Amino acid sequence: MDRGHPSLEPQAKGPCVIAPVRAVLRLRRRVCVLRKRRLLQPGTEPDSGTGTLGPTGSLGTLRADLDQPKFFTFDSLTELTSRTPRKKRRRSRVVLYPETSRKCRPRTERQSRAQRCLLLLVAIVGFQVLNAIENLDDNAQRYDLDGLEKALQRSVFGQPAAVGRIMALLRDYLATHVHSHPLLLALHGPSGVGKSHVGRLLARHFRAVLGDGALVLQYHARYHCPEPRPVQDCRKELAQRVADVVAQAEAQEKTPLLVLDEAELLPPALLDELHDLLQPQRSHHFHNAIYVLLSGAGGIEITHFVLQNASRMLPPLRHSAGSTQTEESPAEELHTSLRELLAREHPLWHTAAIVPFLLLDKPDVINCFREEMAGEGFFPEQALAEHLAEQLSYYHVAGHEFAITGCKQVVAKVNLLQHKAAHAGHWPMDPGN
């Protein structure tokens, strides 16, 4: 070969050009195979001219399968080709409140009109309740029950439990002017223990606070209905007098007081009339009244009970108006026995608030003498009162001396002392005068 003449044979190309071309062709072939796999449905065959995937298989497909990486899966080829990508659902965000913090309500709910109306309704109801409480206090203050209690404690001796029960019943009843039934107080006890005295004090006090004596009715069985008089006339008269009193009291918006002394002497017809006046079927103005029955019925039972239980019932009942549950057991026993006894006589006492009056001890009788002596103008000398008290008869039980007739004979003894002083020409007055 000459150096001056070029050679006509083509020179062989180097490996630097062939290797990249083969790589590009191999990548293109692989991409085409992958595209056809995705486009073909399961069970169909591609075109025979392409030389790609077919049921019998060809050299191109085998070579493409050898070139692709293999991974082991539990899914078949058809399942992999038929699986379509799922769309991602947008999940709503869940608001979680911490347990230790307070949940905030929406602003629109906090400013709701219903809540404002509810607050206004609560304020109105509260104002009405306060107004009702003030009206209750005003109605009770009209009758000056504190002054009545002081007068009873000062003038009634030996009956702290009875006075306390009477005042509790009056305070509860006079707290309001509107009632569903009248108040019936039944004061029972032996002679001389202060029943009639309490009735007079109540009548005097209510006349003063009501300002009208016509609103206080005092009915005495022996005086207003003696034996020769027909009972039906007495019944009509009592019904008419009670109707006039309650009608006048209703016009003045006040509570009247009706005191019936010696109720044990009332005929059965008058007791029936009183029982009819207390019925709820009556007109509403009959419900606003206070009835006080002064009766000696049950006096013998009270006397026996006091003498049999002097050691265990006198301390709690005499020295304190309020007591514990253990101390109230004798009093409750006495109330139960009295109610059973009186209910057998007439059904009127089923609705009555029974207040028993106990026997008076000797110191209580001495106080009665001193009070009467001061009222008659005598100096209430302790020695003279004790001397007069010694002239009475007593039950001697468990270290106590209970007056058989109570203070019944105190007035007669003081009047006799007054006559003796008049005949002697001097009066046992205060030495300082």
Protein backbone atom coordinates (compact mmCIF):
# COMPACT_ATOMS: atom_id res chain seq x y z
CA MET A 1 0.00 0.00 0.00
CA ASP A 2 1.33 3.39 -0.91
CA ARG A 3 1.44 6.17 1.44
CA GLY A 4 0.46 8.73 -1.20
CA HIS A 5 -2.78 7.07 -2.30
CA PRO A 6 -5.61 6.78 0.17
CA SER A 7 -7.26 3.44 0.79
CA LEU A 8 -10.73 2.76 -0.64
CA GLU A 9 -11.81 0.38 2.14
CA PRO A 10 -13.87 1.88 4.92
CA GLN A 11 -12.21 2.04 8.19
CA ALA A 12 -13.86 0.17 11.07
CA LYS A 13 -15.56 2.40 13.66
CA GLY A 14 -14.27 2.27 17.20
CA PRO A 15 -16.14 1.05 20.26
CA CYS A 16 -16.65 4.61 21.47
CA VAL A 17 -19.54 5.12 18.99
CA ILE A 18 -21.22 1.71 18.99
CA ALA A 19 -21.70 1.33 22.76
CA PRO A 20 -23.80 4.51 23.34
CA VAL A 21 -25.96 3.72 20.31
CA ARG A 22 -26.68 0.27 21.59
CA ALA A 23 -27.60 1.67 25.00
CA VAL A 24 -29.98 4.17 23.45
CA LEU A 25 -31.63 1.47 21.34
CA ARG A 26 -31.95 -0.81 24.33
CA LEU A 27 -33.64 1.90 26.38
CA ARG A 28 -35.98 2.77 23.54
CA ARG A 29 -36.95 -0.86 23.08
CA ARG A 30 -37.65 -1.22 26.81
CA VAL A 31 -39.83 1.88 26.85
CA CYS A 32 -41.85 0.62 23.93
CA VAL A 33 -42.38 -2.72 25.60
CA LEU A 34 -43.59 -1.08 28.78
CA ARG A 35 -45.98 1.15 26.88
CA LYS A 36 -47.48 -1.77 24.98
CA ARG A 37 -47.96 -3.74 28.19
CA ARG A 38 -49.99 -0.93 29.64
CA LEU A 39 -52.08 -0.46 26.51
CA LEU A 40 -52.88 -4.12 25.98
CA GLN A 41 -55.83 -5.64 27.79
CA PRO A 42 -55.54 -9.04 29.53
CA GLY A 43 -55.93 -11.98 27.07
CA THR A 44 -55.24 -9.97 23.85
CA GLU A 45 -52.24 -10.39 21.57
CA PRO A 46 -50.16 -7.70 20.01
CA ASP A 47 -49.45 -7.34 16.33
CA SER A 48 -47.29 -10.04 14.90
CA GLY A 49 -45.14 -7.56 13.04
CA THR A 50 -43.91 -5.75 16.05
CA GLY A 51 -42.06 -8.74 17.43
CA THR A 52 -43.15 -7.90 20.94
CA LEU A 53 -45.22 -9.72 23.59
CA GLY A 54 -47.30 -12.62 22.15
CA PRO A 55 -48.77 -15.95 23.25
CA THR A 56 -45.95 -17.97 21.62
CA GLY A 57 -43.28 -15.56 22.64
CA SER A 58 -40.52 -14.16 20.39
CA LEU A 59 -36.88 -13.38 20.66
CA GLY A 60 -37.51 -9.72 21.23
CA THR A 61 -39.85 -10.27 24.13
CA LEU A 62 -37.53 -12.78 25.74
CA ARG A 63 -34.63 -10.45 25.37
CA ALA A 64 -36.74 -7.59 26.85
CA ASP A 65 -37.80 -9.79 29.78
CA LEU A 66 -34.18 -10.74 30.41
CA ASP A 67 -33.14 -7.13 30.38
CA GLN A 68 -35.86 -6.09 32.92
CA PRO A 69 -35.25 -6.59 36.69
CA LYS A 70 -37.39 -9.25 38.34
CA PHE A 71 -39.09 -8.85 41.76
CA PHE A 72 -41.03 -11.55 43.56
CA THR A 73 -44.62 -10.68 44.46
CA PHE A 74 -47.70 -12.66 45.41
CA ASP A 75 -49.71 -10.92 42.68
CA SER A 76 -50.09 -12.38 39.24
CA LEU A 77 -49.20 -10.50 36.09
CA THR A 78 -52.81 -9.85 35.13
CA GLU A 79 -53.64 -8.46 38.54
CA LEU A 80 -50.72 -6.09 38.34
CA THR A 81 -51.74 -4.86 34.92
CA SER A 82 -55.45 -4.48 35.78
CA ARG A 83 -54.91 -2.56 39.02
CA THR A 84 -55.74 1.12 38.64
CA PRO A 85 -54.39 3.78 40.96
CA ARG A 86 -56.87 4.97 43.61
CA LYS A 87 -57.68 8.57 44.15
CA LYS A 88 -56.62 9.96 47.45
CA ARG A 89 -59.53 11.18 49.54
CA ARG A 90 -59.10 14.38 51.39
CA ARG A 91 -59.70 13.76 55.05
CA SER A 92 -61.33 16.41 57.18
CA ARG A 93 -59.28 17.63 60.03
CA VAL A 94 -60.58 16.46 63.44
CA VAL A 95 -60.37 19.06 66.20
CA LEU A 96 -59.35 17.48 69.46
CA TYR A 97 -59.96 19.35 72.70
CA PRO A 98 -57.64 18.71 75.62
CA GLU A 99 -59.37 17.26 78.68
CA THR A 100 -57.94 19.87 81.02
CA SER A 101 -59.05 22.88 78.98
CA ARG A 102 -62.50 24.36 78.50
CA LYS A 103 -64.26 23.98 75.15
CA CYS A 104 -64.94 27.29 73.48
CA ARG A 105 -68.39 27.72 72.05
CA PRO A 106 -68.94 29.56 68.81
CA ARG A 107 -69.29 33.26 69.06
CA THR A 108 -72.81 33.20 67.65
CA GLU A 109 -73.97 30.76 70.36
CA ARG A 110 -72.52 32.88 73.14
CA GLN A 111 -74.49 35.85 71.93
CA SER A 112 -77.78 33.96 71.58
CA ARG A 113 -80.99 35.85 72.33
CA ALA A 114 -82.48 32.84 74.11
CA GLN A 115 -79.72 32.99 76.71
CA ARG A 116 -80.44 36.65 77.34
CA CYS A 117 -84.15 35.95 77.73
CA LEU A 118 -83.37 33.15 80.18
CA LEU A 119 -81.21 35.46 82.28
CA LEU A 120 -83.99 38.04 82.28
CA LEU A 121 -86.54 35.43 83.38
CA VAL A 122 -84.28 34.30 86.24
CA ALA A 123 -83.88 37.90 87.38
CA ILE A 124 -87.66 38.46 87.35
CA VAL A 125 -88.35 35.28 89.34
CA GLY A 126 -85.68 36.19 91.88
CA PHE A 127 -87.18 39.64 92.30
CA GLN A 128 -90.63 38.14 92.85
CA VAL A 129 -89.27 35.74 95.48
CA LEU A 130 -87.56 38.57 97.35
CA ASN A 131 -90.73 40.62 97.18
CA ALA A 132 -92.77 37.71 98.57
CA ILE A 133 -90.31 37.28 101.45
CA GLU A 134 -90.58 40.97 102.29
CA ASN A 135 -94.36 40.73 102.22
CA LEU A 136 -94.24 37.78 104.61
CA ASP A 137 -92.11 39.77 107.03
CA ASP A 138 -94.44 42.76 106.76
CA ASN A 139 -97.51 40.63 107.46
CA ALA A 140 -95.91 39.04 110.54
CA GLN A 141 -94.69 42.40 111.86
CA ARG A 142 -98.24 43.74 111.76
CA TYR A 143 -99.22 41.48 114.68
CA ASP A 144 -96.13 42.19 116.84
CA LEU A 145 -95.54 38.55 117.71
CA ASP A 146 -92.31 39.37 119.54
CA GLY A 147 -94.22 41.58 121.94
CA LEU A 148 -96.86 38.88 122.41
CA GLU A 149 -94.20 36.30 123.21
CA LYS A 150 -92.61 38.56 125.83
CA ALA A 151 -96.00 39.23 127.42
CA LEU A 152 -96.79 35.52 127.64
CA GLN A 153 -93.40 34.64 129.08
CA ARG A 154 -93.73 37.40 131.66
CA SER A 155 -97.30 36.66 132.77
CA VAL A 156 -97.72 32.89 132.29
CA PHE A 157 -95.81 30.85 134.89
CA GLY A 158 -94.69 27.25 134.62
CA GLN A 159 -95.69 26.73 130.96
CA PRO A 160 -92.60 27.46 128.78
CA ALA A 161 -93.27 24.53 126.47
CA ALA A 162 -96.92 25.55 125.91
CA VAL A 163 -95.97 29.18 125.25
CA GLY A 164 -93.27 28.12 122.81
CA ARG A 165 -95.65 25.88 120.87
CA ILE A 166 -98.34 28.58 120.71
CA MET A 167 -95.89 31.15 119.39
CA ALA A 168 -94.46 28.74 116.81
CA LEU A 169 -97.95 28.00 115.46
CA LEU A 170 -98.88 31.69 115.35
CA ARG A 171 -95.66 32.67 113.56
CA ASP A 172 -96.15 29.99 110.95
CA TYR A 173 -99.79 30.88 110.34
CA LEU A 174 -99.47 34.68 110.36
CA ALA A 175 -96.51 34.65 107.97
CA THR A 176 -99.00 35.15 105.11
CA HIS A 177 -102.53 36.48 104.74
CA VAL A 178 -103.81 33.80 102.32
CA HIS A 179 -104.51 30.37 103.84
CA SER A 180 -106.15 27.12 102.82
CA HIS A 181 -107.67 26.42 106.26
CA PRO A 182 -108.12 28.19 109.61
CA LEU A 183 -105.81 27.69 112.59
CA LEU A 184 -107.41 25.83 115.51
CA LEU A 185 -105.51 25.95 118.81
CA ALA A 186 -106.82 23.64 121.53
CA LEU A 187 -105.41 24.46 124.98
CA HIS A 188 -106.10 21.58 127.36
CA GLY A 189 -105.17 21.06 130.98
CA PRO A 190 -106.48 20.82 134.54
CA SER A 191 -108.04 23.76 136.35
CA GLY A 192 -105.83 26.68 137.38
CA VAL A 193 -102.84 26.08 135.07
CA GLY A 194 -103.28 29.28 133.01
CA LYS A 195 -105.50 28.42 130.03
CA SER A 196 -108.03 31.19 130.54
CA HIS A 197 -105.24 33.62 131.39
CA VAL A 198 -103.56 32.90 128.06
CA GLY A 199 -106.89 33.38 126.27
CA ARG A 200 -107.31 36.82 127.87
CA LEU A 201 -103.76 37.83 126.98
CA LEU A 202 -104.25 36.78 123.36
CA ALA A 203 -107.54 38.69 123.09
CA ARG A 204 -106.00 41.82 124.64
CA HIS A 205 -102.99 41.71 122.33
CA PHE A 206 -104.99 41.20 119.13
CA ARG A 207 -107.37 44.02 120.02
CA ALA A 208 -104.37 46.32 120.36
CA VAL A 209 -102.59 45.32 117.14
CA LEU A 210 -105.70 45.06 114.96
CA GLY A 211 -107.06 48.38 116.12
CA ASP A 212 -110.63 47.10 116.06
CA GLY A 213 -112.23 45.23 118.94
CA ALA A 214 -114.89 43.81 116.62
CA LEU A 215 -112.27 41.52 115.04
CA VAL A 216 -111.80 39.66 118.36
CA LEU A 217 -114.64 37.39 119.47
CA GLN A 218 -114.73 35.92 122.99
CA TYR A 219 -117.41 33.26 123.46
CA HIS A 220 -118.13 31.77 126.87
CA ALA A 221 -120.28 28.67 126.96
CA ARG A 222 -122.00 29.39 130.29
CA TYR A 223 -122.70 33.02 129.50
CA HIS A 224 -123.69 32.94 125.81
CA CYS A 225 -125.51 29.59 125.82
CA PRO A 226 -127.02 28.78 129.21
CA GLU A 227 -128.95 25.56 129.68
CA PRO A 228 -132.54 26.89 129.35
CA ARG A 229 -131.75 28.39 125.96
CA PRO A 230 -132.41 26.20 122.91
CA VAL A 231 -129.27 24.78 121.41
CA GLN A 232 -130.32 25.56 117.82
CA ASP A 233 -130.64 29.24 118.67
CA CYS A 234 -127.16 29.18 120.14
CA ARG A 235 -125.86 27.50 117.02
CA LYS A 236 -127.42 30.08 114.70
CA GLU A 237 -126.14 32.94 116.84
CA LEU A 238 -122.60 31.53 116.90
CA ALA A 239 -122.60 31.00 113.13
CA GLN A 240 -123.85 34.54 112.51
CA ARG A 241 -121.30 36.13 114.84
CA VAL A 242 -118.43 34.21 113.29
CA ALA A 243 -119.60 35.11 109.77
CA ASP A 244 -119.76 38.82 110.66
CA VAL A 245 -116.29 38.80 112.20
CA VAL A 246 -114.57 36.99 109.32
CA ALA A 247 -116.35 39.14 106.72
CA GLN A 248 -115.23 42.34 108.41
CA ALA A 249 -111.70 41.02 108.78
CA GLU A 250 -111.57 40.07 105.09
CA ALA A 251 -112.62 43.59 104.13
CA GLN A 252 -109.72 44.99 106.18
CA GLU A 253 -107.29 42.22 105.10
CA LYS A 254 -106.66 41.17 108.69
CA THR A 255 -106.76 37.88 110.60
CA PRO A 256 -109.43 37.76 113.34
CA LEU A 257 -109.20 35.92 116.65
CA LEU A 258 -112.03 33.83 118.12
CA VAL A 259 -111.61 32.55 121.70
CA LEU A 260 -114.07 29.98 123.07
CA ASP A 261 -113.66 29.38 126.79
CA GLU A 262 -114.84 26.24 128.61
CA ALA A 263 -115.19 24.36 125.34
CA GLU A 264 -115.85 21.13 127.26
CA LEU A 265 -119.28 22.58 128.18
CA LEU A 266 -120.28 23.33 124.58
CA PRO A 267 -123.22 21.22 123.34
CA PRO A 268 -122.55 18.77 120.50
CA ALA A 269 -124.53 20.99 118.12
CA LEU A 270 -122.12 23.90 118.67
CA LEU A 271 -119.14 21.59 118.19
CA ASP A 272 -120.70 20.45 114.90
CA GLU A 273 -121.08 24.07 113.84
CA LEU A 274 -117.43 24.80 114.63
CA HIS A 275 -116.41 21.72 112.70
CA ASP A 276 -118.41 22.95 109.68
CA LEU A 277 -116.76 26.38 109.91
CA LEU A 278 -113.33 24.75 109.62
CA GLN A 279 -114.10 22.79 106.46
CA PRO A 280 -112.18 23.70 103.26
CA GLN A 281 -115.45 23.83 101.29
CA ARG A 282 -116.28 27.10 103.01
CA SER A 283 -115.66 30.46 101.40
CA HIS A 284 -112.06 31.67 101.35
CA HIS A 285 -112.60 34.38 103.98
CA PHE A 286 -113.51 31.67 106.52
CA HIS A 287 -110.04 30.17 106.04
CA ASN A 288 -108.33 33.30 107.36
CA ALA A 289 -109.12 33.06 111.09
CA ILE A 290 -107.61 31.84 114.35
CA TYR A 291 -109.77 29.76 116.72
CA VAL A 292 -108.64 29.18 120.30
CA LEU A 293 -110.48 26.51 122.33
CA LEU A 294 -109.90 26.58 126.09
CA SER A 295 -110.97 23.25 127.53
CA GLY A 296 -110.50 21.24 130.68
CA ALA A 297 -111.08 18.00 128.78
CA GLY A 298 -108.14 15.69 129.25
CA GLY A 299 -107.10 17.39 132.48
CA ILE A 300 -107.28 14.16 134.47
CA GLU A 301 -105.12 12.35 131.90
CA ILE A 302 -102.55 15.17 131.95
CA THR A 303 -102.45 15.06 135.75
CA HIS A 304 -101.87 11.30 135.82
CA PHE A 305 -99.24 11.52 133.13
CA VAL A 306 -97.32 14.28 134.93
CA LEU A 307 -97.38 12.44 138.25
CA GLN A 308 -96.25 9.17 136.69
CA ASN A 309 -93.47 10.73 134.62
CA ALA A 310 -92.42 13.58 136.89
CA SER A 311 -88.79 12.46 137.18
CA ARG A 312 -88.14 12.11 133.44
CA MET A 313 -90.37 14.65 131.71
CA LEU A 314 -90.41 17.75 133.86
CA PRO A 315 -86.85 19.00 133.27
CA PRO A 316 -87.04 19.09 129.46
CA LEU A 317 -90.61 20.36 129.32
CA ARG A 318 -90.40 23.04 131.98
CA HIS A 319 -86.97 24.56 131.71
CA SER A 320 -86.64 24.78 127.93
CA ALA A 321 -89.13 25.45 125.18
CA GLY A 322 -86.96 23.64 122.60
CA SER A 323 -85.44 20.21 123.22
CA THR A 324 -83.78 17.36 121.39
CA GLN A 325 -85.50 14.30 119.99
CA THR A 326 -84.79 12.23 123.12
CA GLU A 327 -86.25 14.93 125.36
CA GLU A 328 -89.37 15.31 123.22
CA SER A 329 -90.46 11.70 123.57
CA PRO A 330 -92.57 12.31 126.74
CA ALA A 331 -94.23 15.33 125.13
CA GLU A 332 -95.00 13.41 121.95
CA GLU A 333 -96.44 10.58 124.00
CA LEU A 334 -98.69 13.02 125.84
CA HIS A 335 -99.86 14.66 122.59
CA THR A 336 -100.68 11.29 121.07
CA SER A 337 -102.72 10.12 124.06
CA LEU A 338 -104.62 13.40 124.24
CA ARG A 339 -105.46 13.38 120.55
CA GLU A 340 -106.77 9.83 120.73
CA LEU A 341 -108.88 10.68 123.78
CA LEU A 342 -110.37 13.89 122.36
CA ALA A 343 -110.99 12.45 118.89
CA ARG A 344 -113.28 9.85 120.43
CA GLU A 345 -115.46 12.65 121.80
CA HIS A 346 -115.76 14.70 118.60
CA PRO A 347 -114.01 14.79 115.18
CA LEU A 348 -113.33 18.50 115.68
CA TRP A 349 -110.09 17.67 117.50
CA HIS A 350 -108.70 15.76 114.51
CA THR A 351 -107.75 19.09 112.89
CA ALA A 352 -106.80 20.89 116.11
CA ALA A 353 -103.27 21.73 117.24
CA ILE A 354 -103.39 20.42 120.82
CA VAL A 355 -101.30 22.31 123.39
CA PRO A 356 -101.22 20.62 126.82
CA PHE A 357 -100.82 22.70 129.98
CA LEU A 358 -98.99 20.87 132.79
CA LEU A 359 -99.38 21.04 136.55
CA LEU A 360 -97.81 24.02 138.31
CA ASP A 361 -94.97 23.53 140.75
CA LYS A 362 -94.90 25.36 144.08
CA PRO A 363 -92.42 28.08 142.91
CA ASP A 364 -94.81 28.83 140.05
CA VAL A 365 -97.68 29.26 142.49
CA ILE A 366 -95.57 31.67 144.55
CA ASN A 367 -94.96 33.73 141.42
CA CYS A 368 -98.69 33.78 140.81
CA PHE A 369 -99.26 35.21 144.30
CA ARG A 370 -96.62 37.91 143.82
CA GLU A 371 -98.07 38.92 140.46
CA GLU A 372 -101.60 39.16 141.84
CA MET A 373 -100.44 41.07 144.92
CA ALA A 374 -98.62 43.61 142.75
CA GLY A 375 -101.72 43.99 140.57
CA GLU A 376 -103.94 44.64 143.61
CA GLY A 377 -101.65 47.29 145.07
CA PHE A 378 -99.81 45.13 147.62
CA PHE A 379 -96.08 44.96 147.93
CA PRO A 380 -95.05 41.57 146.43
CA GLU A 381 -93.22 40.37 149.52
CA GLN A 382 -91.61 36.95 149.05
CA ALA A 383 -92.28 35.77 152.62
CA LEU A 384 -95.97 36.71 152.43
CA ALA A 385 -96.35 35.00 149.04
CA GLU A 386 -94.74 31.83 150.41
CA HIS A 387 -97.04 31.96 153.45
CA LEU A 388 -100.10 32.19 151.21
CA ALA A 389 -98.82 29.38 148.99
CA GLU A 390 -98.47 27.10 152.00
CA GLN A 391 -102.23 27.24 152.49
CA LEU A 392 -102.85 25.35 149.23
CA SER A 393 -102.89 21.58 148.64
CA TYR A 394 -100.12 19.84 146.66
CA TYR A 395 -99.13 16.52 145.09
CA HIS A 396 -95.77 15.38 146.46
CA VAL A 397 -93.99 13.36 143.77
CA ALA A 398 -90.26 12.86 143.08
CA GLY A 399 -89.19 15.86 145.14
CA HIS A 400 -91.75 18.16 143.51
CA GLU A 401 -94.84 19.82 144.91
CA PHE A 402 -97.59 20.26 142.30
CA ALA A 403 -100.57 22.43 143.21
CA ILE A 404 -103.82 20.51 142.96
CA THR A 405 -105.83 23.58 141.96
CA GLY A 406 -102.93 25.51 140.40
CA CYS A 407 -103.35 29.26 140.70
CA LYS A 408 -107.13 29.02 140.81
CA GLN A 409 -107.36 30.15 144.42
CA VAL A 410 -104.73 32.88 144.18
CA VAL A 411 -107.21 35.65 143.43
CA ALA A 412 -109.49 34.62 146.33
CA LYS A 413 -106.56 34.46 148.75
CA VAL A 414 -105.31 37.91 147.75
CA ASN A 415 -108.82 39.38 148.02
CA LEU A 416 -109.14 37.86 151.49
CA LEU A 417 -105.80 39.44 152.41
CA GLN A 418 -107.14 42.78 151.19
CA HIS A 419 -110.23 42.50 153.42
CA LYS A 420 -108.11 41.60 156.44
CA ALA A 421 -105.87 44.58 155.80
CA ALA A 422 -108.90 46.88 155.52
CA HIS A 423 -110.31 45.70 158.85
CA ALA A 424 -106.91 46.04 160.50
CA GLY A 425 -106.57 49.63 159.26
CA HIS A 426 -103.27 49.26 157.40
CA TRP A 427 -102.10 47.98 154.04
CA PRO A 428 -99.08 45.76 153.55
CA MET A 429 -97.53 48.17 151.06
CA ASP A 430 -93.92 48.89 150.24
CA PRO A 431 -92.11 50.00 153.43
CA GLY A 432 -90.44 52.77 151.42
CA ASN A 433 -93.75 54.52 150.80
